[in-house]
Amino acid sequence: GKIGENMSIRRFVRVEAQGGLASYLHGGKIGVLVDI
């Protein structure tokens, strides 16, 4: 209502790491989580 444009939550993943989590986000469009 405030912005005047439709939006939706498409999908998500929750990760419990066996090692440690590292991430990379490119331009807000491509995201990666790595359990290393």
PDB file of all heavy atoms in Angstrom:
ATOM      1  N   GLY A   1       0.810  -1.216   0.000  1.00  0.00           N
ATOM      2  CA  GLY A   1       0.000   0.000   0.000  1.00  0.00           C
ATOM      3  C   GLY A   1       0.840   1.260   0.000  1.00  0.00           C
ATOM      4  O   GLY A   1       0.504   2.252  -0.655  1.00  0.00           O
ATOM      5  N   LYS A   2       1.969   1.227   0.725  1.00  0.00           N
ATOM      6  CA  LYS A   2       2.831   2.405   0.825  1.00  0.00           C
ATOM      7  C   LYS A   2       3.616   2.655  -0.454  1.00  0.00           C
ATOM      8  O   LYS A   2       3.706   3.787  -0.936  1.00  0.00           O
ATOM      9  CB  LYS A   2       3.798   2.229   2.001  1.00  0.00           C
ATOM     10  CG  LYS A   2       4.780   3.375   2.181  1.00  0.00           C
ATOM     11  CD  LYS A   2       5.707   3.110   3.357  1.00  0.00           C
ATOM     12  CE  LYS A   2       6.713   4.246   3.528  1.00  0.00           C
ATOM     13  NZ  LYS A   2       7.632   4.004   4.670  1.00  0.00           N
ATOM     14  N   ILE A   3       4.166   1.589  -1.020  1.00  0.00           N
ATOM     15  CA  ILE A   3       5.035   1.728  -2.191  1.00  0.00           C
ATOM     16  C   ILE A   3       4.247   1.703  -3.488  1.00  0.00           C
ATOM     17  O   ILE A   3       4.632   2.292  -4.495  1.00  0.00           O
ATOM     18  CB  ILE A   3       6.111   0.612  -2.181  1.00  0.00           C
ATOM     19  CG1 ILE A   3       7.006   0.780  -0.943  1.00  0.00           C
ATOM     20  CG2 ILE A   3       6.955   0.642  -3.442  1.00  0.00           C
ATOM     21  CD1 ILE A   3       8.018  -0.331  -0.758  1.00  0.00           C
ATOM     22  N   GLY A   4       3.110   0.989  -3.477  1.00  0.00           N
ATOM     23  CA  GLY A   4       2.275   0.924  -4.672  1.00  0.00           C
ATOM     24  C   GLY A   4       2.721  -0.116  -5.671  1.00  0.00           C
ATOM     25  O   GLY A   4       2.472   0.018  -6.872  1.00  0.00           O
ATOM     26  N   GLU A   5       3.411  -1.153  -5.182  1.00  0.00           N
ATOM     27  CA  GLU A   5       3.876  -2.211  -6.069  1.00  0.00           C
ATOM     28  C   GLU A   5       3.765  -3.550  -5.358  1.00  0.00           C
ATOM     29  O   GLU A   5       4.080  -3.665  -4.169  1.00  0.00           O
ATOM     30  CB  GLU A   5       5.332  -1.951  -6.475  1.00  0.00           C
ATOM     31  CG  GLU A   5       5.885  -2.950  -7.458  1.00  0.00           C
ATOM     32  CD  GLU A   5       7.236  -2.499  -8.030  1.00  0.00           C
ATOM     33  OE1 GLU A   5       7.309  -1.343  -8.501  1.00  0.00           O
ATOM     34  OE2 GLU A   5       8.179  -3.277  -7.988  1.00  0.00           O
ATOM     35  N   ASN A   6       3.338  -4.564  -6.085  1.00  0.00           N
ATOM     36  CA  ASN A   6       3.176  -5.878  -5.485  1.00  0.00           C
ATOM     37  C   ASN A   6       4.538  -6.481  -5.130  1.00  0.00           C
ATOM     38  O   ASN A   6       5.545  -6.220  -5.795  1.00  0.00           O
ATOM     39  CB  ASN A   6       2.432  -6.807  -6.437  1.00  0.00           C
ATOM     40  CG  ASN A   6       1.968  -8.066  -5.752  1.00  0.00           C
ATOM     41  OD1 ASN A   6       1.782  -8.092  -4.542  1.00  0.00           O
ATOM     42  ND2 ASN A   6       1.774  -9.121  -6.512  1.00  0.00           N
ATOM     43  N   MET A   7       4.573  -7.290  -4.094  1.00  0.00           N
ATOM     44  CA  MET A   7       5.791  -7.980  -3.688  1.00  0.00           C
ATOM     45  C   MET A   7       5.414  -9.289  -3.018  1.00  0.00           C
ATOM     46  O   MET A   7       4.319  -9.418  -2.445  1.00  0.00           O
ATOM     47  CB  MET A   7       6.632  -7.108  -2.758  1.00  0.00           C
ATOM     48  CG  MET A   7       5.921  -6.651  -1.505  1.00  0.00           C
ATOM     49  SD  MET A   7       6.835  -5.361  -0.608  1.00  0.00           S
ATOM     50  CE  MET A   7       6.666  -3.972  -1.733  1.00  0.00           C
ATOM     51  N   SER A   8       6.298 -10.257  -3.089  1.00  0.00           N
ATOM     52  CA  SER A   8       5.983 -11.569  -2.520  1.00  0.00           C
ATOM     53  C   SER A   8       7.255 -12.269  -2.077  1.00  0.00           C
ATOM     54  O   SER A   8       8.328 -12.066  -2.647  1.00  0.00           O
ATOM     55  CB  SER A   8       5.253 -12.439  -3.551  1.00  0.00           C
ATOM     56  OG  SER A   8       6.077 -12.654  -4.683  1.00  0.00           O
ATOM     57  N   ILE A   9       7.110 -13.094  -1.033  1.00  0.00           N
ATOM     58  CA  ILE A   9       8.211 -13.941  -0.597  1.00  0.00           C
ATOM     59  C   ILE A   9       8.178 -15.193  -1.461  1.00  0.00           C
ATOM     60  O   ILE A   9       7.201 -15.936  -1.437  1.00  0.00           O
ATOM     61  CB  ILE A   9       8.069 -14.321   0.888  1.00  0.00           C
ATOM     62  CG1 ILE A   9       8.059 -13.059   1.753  1.00  0.00           C
ATOM     63  CG2 ILE A   9       9.194 -15.254   1.320  1.00  0.00           C
ATOM     64  CD1 ILE A   9       7.704 -13.316   3.204  1.00  0.00           C
ATOM     65  N   ARG A  10       9.239 -15.427  -2.212  1.00  0.00           N
ATOM     66  CA  ARG A  10       9.227 -16.543  -3.155  1.00  0.00           C
ATOM     67  C   ARG A  10       9.709 -17.844  -2.530  1.00  0.00           C
ATOM     68  O   ARG A  10       9.089 -18.887  -2.682  1.00  0.00           O
ATOM     69  CB  ARG A  10      10.089 -16.204  -4.375  1.00  0.00           C
ATOM     70  CG  ARG A  10      10.055 -17.294  -5.447  1.00  0.00           C
ATOM     71  CD  ARG A  10      10.630 -16.796  -6.753  1.00  0.00           C
ATOM     72  NE  ARG A  10      10.484 -17.818  -7.779  1.00  0.00           N
ATOM     73  CZ  ARG A  10      11.487 -18.533  -8.270  1.00  0.00           C
ATOM     74  NH1 ARG A  10      12.712 -18.350  -7.815  1.00  0.00           N
ATOM     75  NH2 ARG A  10      11.283 -19.434  -9.204  1.00  0.00           N
ATOM     76  N   ARG A  11      10.838 -17.791  -1.803  1.00  0.00           N
ATOM     77  CA  ARG A  11      11.400 -19.027  -1.250  1.00  0.00           C
ATOM     78  C   ARG A  11      12.489 -18.692  -0.236  1.00  0.00           C
ATOM     79  O   ARG A  11      12.997 -17.566  -0.214  1.00  0.00           O
ATOM     80  CB  ARG A  11      11.995 -19.886  -2.363  1.00  0.00           C
ATOM     81  CG  ARG A  11      13.002 -19.140  -3.238  1.00  0.00           C
ATOM     82  CD  ARG A  11      13.494 -19.977  -4.390  1.00  0.00           C
ATOM     83  NE  ARG A  11      14.301 -19.179  -5.314  1.00  0.00           N
ATOM     84  CZ  ARG A  11      14.950 -19.671  -6.352  1.00  0.00           C
ATOM     85  NH1 ARG A  11      14.891 -20.968  -6.609  1.00  0.00           N
ATOM     86  NH2 ARG A  11      15.660 -18.896  -7.144  1.00  0.00           N
ATOM     87  N   PHE A  12      12.843 -19.662   0.581  1.00  0.00           N
ATOM     88  CA  PHE A  12      13.934 -19.482   1.533  1.00  0.00           C
ATOM     89  C   PHE A  12      14.513 -20.847   1.902  1.00  0.00           C
ATOM     90  O   PHE A  12      13.888 -21.888   1.711  1.00  0.00           O
ATOM     91  CB  PHE A  12      13.469 -18.747   2.793  1.00  0.00           C
ATOM     92  CG  PHE A  12      12.390 -19.451   3.569  1.00  0.00           C
ATOM     93  CD1 PHE A  12      12.679 -20.480   4.463  1.00  0.00           C
ATOM     94  CD2 PHE A  12      11.052 -19.083   3.405  1.00  0.00           C
ATOM     95  CE1 PHE A  12      11.684 -21.126   5.175  1.00  0.00           C
ATOM     96  CE2 PHE A  12      10.047 -19.725   4.116  1.00  0.00           C
ATOM     97  CZ  PHE A  12      10.363 -20.747   5.005  1.00  0.00           C
ATOM     98  N   VAL A  13      15.737 -20.808   2.426  1.00  0.00           N
ATOM     99  CA  VAL A  13      16.410 -22.016   2.913  1.00  0.00           C
ATOM    100  C   VAL A  13      17.081 -21.673   4.239  1.00  0.00           C
ATOM    101  O   VAL A  13      17.688 -20.610   4.383  1.00  0.00           O
ATOM    102  CB  VAL A  13      17.468 -22.532   1.916  1.00  0.00           C
ATOM    103  CG1 VAL A  13      18.229 -23.716   2.504  1.00  0.00           C
ATOM    104  CG2 VAL A  13      16.817 -22.939   0.602  1.00  0.00           C
ATOM    105  N   ARG A  14      16.960 -22.575   5.195  1.00  0.00           N
ATOM    106  CA  ARG A  14      17.621 -22.423   6.497  1.00  0.00           C
ATOM    107  C   ARG A  14      18.679 -23.516   6.610  1.00  0.00           C
ATOM    108  O   ARG A  14      18.397 -24.688   6.359  1.00  0.00           O
ATOM    109  CB  ARG A  14      16.590 -22.549   7.616  1.00  0.00           C
ATOM    110  CG  ARG A  14      17.120 -22.336   9.037  1.00  0.00           C
ATOM    111  CD  ARG A  14      15.943 -22.439  10.002  1.00  0.00           C
ATOM    112  NE  ARG A  14      16.297 -22.111  11.364  1.00  0.00           N
ATOM    113  CZ  ARG A  14      16.736 -22.997  12.267  1.00  0.00           C
ATOM    114  NH1 ARG A  14      16.916 -24.269  11.895  1.00  0.00           N
ATOM    115  NH2 ARG A  14      17.009 -22.621  13.502  1.00  0.00           N
ATOM    116  N   VAL A  15      19.893 -23.142   6.985  1.00  0.00           N
ATOM    117  CA  VAL A  15      21.016 -24.085   7.007  1.00  0.00           C
ATOM    118  C   VAL A  15      21.621 -24.159   8.409  1.00  0.00           C
ATOM    119  O   VAL A  15      21.980 -23.125   8.986  1.00  0.00           O
ATOM    120  CB  VAL A  15      22.118 -23.660   6.009  1.00  0.00           C
ATOM    121  CG1 VAL A  15      23.291 -24.634   6.076  1.00  0.00           C
ATOM    122  CG2 VAL A  15      21.554 -23.593   4.590  1.00  0.00           C
ATOM    123  N   GLU A  16      21.712 -25.369   8.941  1.00  0.00           N
ATOM    124  CA  GLU A  16      22.456 -25.615  10.175  1.00  0.00           C
ATOM    125  C   GLU A  16      23.770 -26.271   9.769  1.00  0.00           C
ATOM    126  O   GLU A  16      23.798 -27.413   9.314  1.00  0.00           O
ATOM    127  CB  GLU A  16      21.649 -26.513  11.113  1.00  0.00           C
ATOM    128  CG  GLU A  16      20.364 -25.857  11.609  1.00  0.00           C
ATOM    129  CD  GLU A  16      19.610 -26.731  12.601  1.00  0.00           C
ATOM    130  OE1 GLU A  16      20.213 -27.691  13.139  1.00  0.00           O
ATOM    131  OE2 GLU A  16      18.418 -26.456  12.829  1.00  0.00           O
ATOM    132  N   ALA A  17      24.864 -25.543   9.949  1.00  0.00           N
ATOM    133  CA  ALA A  17      26.142 -25.956   9.386  1.00  0.00           C
ATOM    134  C   ALA A  17      26.805 -27.071  10.189  1.00  0.00           C
ATOM    135  O   ALA A  17      26.708 -27.122  11.411  1.00  0.00           O
ATOM    136  CB  ALA A  17      27.082 -24.759   9.312  1.00  0.00           C
ATOM    137  N   GLN A  18      27.493 -27.940   9.473  1.00  0.00           N
ATOM    138  CA  GLN A  18      28.355 -28.930  10.115  1.00  0.00           C
ATOM    139  C   GLN A  18      29.730 -28.323  10.381  1.00  0.00           C
ATOM    140  O   GLN A  18      30.411 -28.685  11.333  1.00  0.00           O
ATOM    141  CB  GLN A  18      28.485 -30.160   9.215  1.00  0.00           C
ATOM    142  CG  GLN A  18      27.167 -30.892   8.998  1.00  0.00           C
ATOM    143  CD  GLN A  18      27.333 -32.121   8.129  1.00  0.00           C
ATOM    144  OE1 GLN A  18      28.422 -32.680   8.029  1.00  0.00           O
ATOM    145  NE2 GLN A  18      26.256 -32.549   7.495  1.00  0.00           N
ATOM    146  N   GLY A  19      30.133 -27.400   9.520  1.00  0.00           N
ATOM    147  CA  GLY A  19      31.380 -26.678   9.718  1.00  0.00           C
ATOM    148  C   GLY A  19      31.080 -25.244  10.098  1.00  0.00           C
ATOM    149  O   GLY A  19      30.581 -24.969  11.180  1.00  0.00           O
ATOM    150  N   GLY A  20      31.362 -24.318   9.194  1.00  0.00           N
ATOM    151  CA  GLY A  20      31.036 -22.911   9.402  1.00  0.00           C
ATOM    152  C   GLY A  20      30.438 -22.339   8.129  1.00  0.00           C
ATOM    153  O   GLY A  20      30.737 -22.794   7.028  1.00  0.00           O
ATOM    154  N   LEU A  21      29.583 -21.332   8.287  1.00  0.00           N
ATOM    155  CA  LEU A  21      28.901 -20.743   7.143  1.00  0.00           C
ATOM    156  C   LEU A  21      29.631 -19.512   6.620  1.00  0.00           C
ATOM    157  O   LEU A  21      30.022 -18.631   7.388  1.00  0.00           O
ATOM    158  CB  LEU A  21      27.469 -20.354   7.510  1.00  0.00           C
ATOM    159  CG  LEU A  21      26.473 -21.499   7.680  1.00  0.00           C
ATOM    160  CD1 LEU A  21      25.134 -20.941   8.142  1.00  0.00           C
ATOM    161  CD2 LEU A  21      26.306 -22.285   6.389  1.00  0.00           C
ATOM    162  N   ALA A  22      29.810 -19.487   5.316  1.00  0.00           N
ATOM    163  CA  ALA A  22      30.325 -18.309   4.618  1.00  0.00           C
ATOM    164  C   ALA A  22      29.311 -17.930   3.559  1.00  0.00           C
ATOM    165  O   ALA A  22      28.513 -18.766   3.119  1.00  0.00           O
ATOM    166  CB  ALA A  22      31.685 -18.604   3.997  1.00  0.00           C
ATOM    167  N   SER A  23      29.324 -16.684   3.142  1.00  0.00           N
ATOM    168  CA  SER A  23      28.314 -16.236   2.183  1.00  0.00           C
ATOM    169  C   SER A  23      28.899 -15.275   1.174  1.00  0.00           C
ATOM    170  O   SER A  23      29.979 -14.705   1.365  1.00  0.00           O
ATOM    171  CB  SER A  23      27.156 -15.554   2.913  1.00  0.00           C
ATOM    172  OG  SER A  23      27.590 -14.331   3.499  1.00  0.00           O
ATOM    173  N   TYR A  24      28.139 -15.102   0.092  1.00  0.00           N
ATOM    174  CA  TYR A  24      28.477 -14.097  -0.918  1.00  0.00           C
ATOM    175  C   TYR A  24      27.171 -13.615  -1.529  1.00  0.00           C
ATOM    176  O   TYR A  24      26.295 -14.407  -1.869  1.00  0.00           O
ATOM    177  CB  TYR A  24      29.380 -14.682  -2.007  1.00  0.00           C
ATOM    178  CG  TYR A  24      29.663 -13.698  -3.119  1.00  0.00           C
ATOM    179  CD1 TYR A  24      30.471 -12.589  -2.896  1.00  0.00           C
ATOM    180  CD2 TYR A  24      29.101 -13.862  -4.382  1.00  0.00           C
ATOM    181  CE1 TYR A  24      30.725 -11.668  -3.906  1.00  0.00           C
ATOM    182  CE2 TYR A  24      29.355 -12.942  -5.390  1.00  0.00           C
ATOM    183  CZ  TYR A  24      30.170 -11.853  -5.153  1.00  0.00           C
ATOM    184  OH  TYR A  24      30.403 -10.945  -6.143  1.00  0.00           O
ATOM    185  N   LEU A  25      27.055 -12.303  -1.658  1.00  0.00           N
ATOM    186  CA  LEU A  25      25.860 -11.689  -2.235  1.00  0.00           C
ATOM    187  C   LEU A  25      26.301 -10.748  -3.338  1.00  0.00           C
ATOM    188  O   LEU A  25      27.079  -9.816  -3.103  1.00  0.00           O
ATOM    189  CB  LEU A  25      25.100 -10.924  -1.155  1.00  0.00           C
ATOM    190  CG  LEU A  25      23.711 -10.378  -1.500  1.00  0.00           C
ATOM    191  CD1 LEU A  25      22.777 -11.509  -1.900  1.00  0.00           C
ATOM    192  CD2 LEU A  25      23.138  -9.624  -0.303  1.00  0.00           C
ATOM    193  N   HIS A  26      25.834 -11.014  -4.556  1.00  0.00           N
ATOM    194  CA  HIS A  26      26.240 -10.227  -5.718  1.00  0.00           C
ATOM    195  C   HIS A  26      25.095  -9.338  -6.175  1.00  0.00           C
ATOM    196  O   HIS A  26      24.100  -9.814  -6.729  1.00  0.00           O
ATOM    197  CB  HIS A  26      26.664 -11.148  -6.864  1.00  0.00           C
ATOM    198  CG  HIS A  26      27.125 -10.416  -8.086  1.00  0.00           C
ATOM    199  ND1 HIS A  26      28.342  -9.785  -8.148  1.00  0.00           N
ATOM    200  CD2 HIS A  26      26.518 -10.197  -9.282  1.00  0.00           C
ATOM    201  CE1 HIS A  26      28.481  -9.219  -9.331  1.00  0.00           C
ATOM    202  NE2 HIS A  26      27.388  -9.443 -10.036  1.00  0.00           N
ATOM    203  N   GLY A  27      25.236  -8.040  -5.912  1.00  0.00           N
ATOM    204  CA  GLY A  27      24.256  -7.072  -6.403  1.00  0.00           C
ATOM    205  C   GLY A  27      22.847  -7.282  -5.886  1.00  0.00           C
ATOM    206  O   GLY A  27      21.902  -6.756  -6.461  1.00  0.00           O
ATOM    207  N   GLY A  28      22.706  -8.040  -4.825  1.00  0.00           N
ATOM    208  CA  GLY A  28      21.386  -8.307  -4.292  1.00  0.00           C
ATOM    209  C   GLY A  28      20.568  -9.289  -5.102  1.00  0.00           C
ATOM    210  O   GLY A  28      19.445  -9.623  -4.733  1.00  0.00           O
ATOM    211  N   LYS A  29      21.132  -9.793  -6.200  1.00  0.00           N
ATOM    212  CA  LYS A  29      20.395 -10.662  -7.113  1.00  0.00           C
ATOM    213  C   LYS A  29      20.818 -12.127  -7.011  1.00  0.00           C
ATOM    214  O   LYS A  29      20.037 -13.030  -7.307  1.00  0.00           O
ATOM    215  CB  LYS A  29      20.582 -10.193  -8.560  1.00  0.00           C
ATOM    216  CG  LYS A  29      20.188  -8.756  -8.810  1.00  0.00           C
ATOM    217  CD  LYS A  29      18.719  -8.516  -8.612  1.00  0.00           C
ATOM    218  CE  LYS A  29      18.336  -7.099  -8.988  1.00  0.00           C
ATOM    219  NZ  LYS A  29      16.912  -6.813  -8.737  1.00  0.00           N
ATOM    220  N   ILE A  30      22.074 -12.367  -6.648  1.00  0.00           N
ATOM    221  CA  ILE A  30      22.588 -13.722  -6.545  1.00  0.00           C
ATOM    222  C   ILE A  30      23.178 -13.902  -5.151  1.00  0.00           C
ATOM    223  O   ILE A  30      24.045 -13.124  -4.741  1.00  0.00           O
ATOM    224  CB  ILE A  30      23.673 -14.003  -7.602  1.00  0.00           C
ATOM    225  CG1 ILE A  30      23.117 -13.799  -9.012  1.00  0.00           C
ATOM    226  CG2 ILE A  30      24.220 -15.419  -7.454  1.00  0.00           C
ATOM    227  CD1 ILE A  30      24.168 -13.887 -10.100  1.00  0.00           C
ATOM    228  N   GLY A  31      22.716 -14.903  -4.432  1.00  0.00           N
ATOM    229  CA  GLY A  31      23.216 -15.146  -3.083  1.00  0.00           C
ATOM    230  C   GLY A  31      23.630 -16.594  -2.906  1.00  0.00           C
ATOM    231  O   GLY A  31      22.997 -17.496  -3.452  1.00  0.00           O
ATOM    232  N   VAL A  32      24.698 -16.803  -2.153  1.00  0.00           N
ATOM    233  CA  VAL A  32      25.218 -18.152  -1.925  1.00  0.00           C
ATOM    234  C   VAL A  32      25.585 -18.313  -0.452  1.00  0.00           C
ATOM    235  O   VAL A  32      26.217 -17.437   0.141  1.00  0.00           O
ATOM    236  CB  VAL A  32      26.473 -18.424  -2.782  1.00  0.00           C
ATOM    237  CG1 VAL A  32      27.004 -19.827  -2.502  1.00  0.00           C
ATOM    238  CG2 VAL A  32      26.168 -18.251  -4.264  1.00  0.00           C
ATOM    239  N   LEU A  33      25.194 -19.447   0.125  1.00  0.00           N
ATOM    240  CA  LEU A  33      25.638 -19.858   1.456  1.00  0.00           C
ATOM    241  C   LEU A  33      26.463 -21.128   1.299  1.00  0.00           C
ATOM    242  O   LEU A  33      26.048 -22.054   0.605  1.00  0.00           O
ATOM    243  CB  LEU A  33      24.446 -20.164   2.373  1.00  0.00           C
ATOM    244  CG  LEU A  33      23.810 -19.027   3.165  1.00  0.00           C
ATOM    245  CD1 LEU A  33      22.631 -19.570   3.974  1.00  0.00           C
ATOM    246  CD2 LEU A  33      24.812 -18.359   4.093  1.00  0.00           C
ATOM    247  N   VAL A  34      27.624 -21.177   1.946  1.00  0.00           N
ATOM    248  CA  VAL A  34      28.494 -22.345   1.866  1.00  0.00           C
ATOM    249  C   VAL A  34      28.801 -22.848   3.271  1.00  0.00           C
ATOM    250  O   VAL A  34      29.182 -22.074   4.150  1.00  0.00           O
ATOM    251  CB  VAL A  34      29.818 -21.998   1.142  1.00  0.00           C
ATOM    252  CG1 VAL A  34      30.784 -23.167   1.221  1.00  0.00           C
ATOM    253  CG2 VAL A  34      29.552 -21.650  -0.313  1.00  0.00           C
ATOM    254  N   ASP A  35      28.615 -24.135   3.469  1.00  0.00           N
ATOM    255  CA  ASP A  35      29.003 -24.807   4.714  1.00  0.00           C
ATOM    256  C   ASP A  35      30.374 -25.425   4.482  1.00  0.00           C
ATOM    257  O   ASP A  35      30.518 -26.355   3.698  1.00  0.00           O
ATOM    258  CB  ASP A  35      27.963 -25.880   5.052  1.00  0.00           C
ATOM    259  CG  ASP A  35      28.263 -26.614   6.351  1.00  0.00           C
ATOM    260  OD1 ASP A  35      29.293 -26.315   6.981  1.00  0.00           O
ATOM    261  OD2 ASP A  35      27.473 -27.504   6.718  1.00  0.00           O
ATOM    262  N   ILE A  36      31.387 -24.891   5.149  1.00  0.00           N
ATOM    263  CA  ILE A  36      32.752 -25.318   4.876  1.00  0.00           C
ATOM    264  C   ILE A  36      33.459 -25.770   6.149  1.00  0.00           C
ATOM    265  O   ILE A  36      33.290 -25.172   7.217  1.00  0.00           O
ATOM    266  CB  ILE A  36      33.547 -24.183   4.186  1.00  0.00           C
ATOM    267  CG1 ILE A  36      34.909 -24.680   3.705  1.00  0.00           C
ATOM    268  CG2 ILE A  36      33.687 -22.978   5.101  1.00  0.00           C
ATOM    269  CD1 ILE A  36      35.588 -23.756   2.721  1.00  0.00           C
TER     270      ILE A  36
END
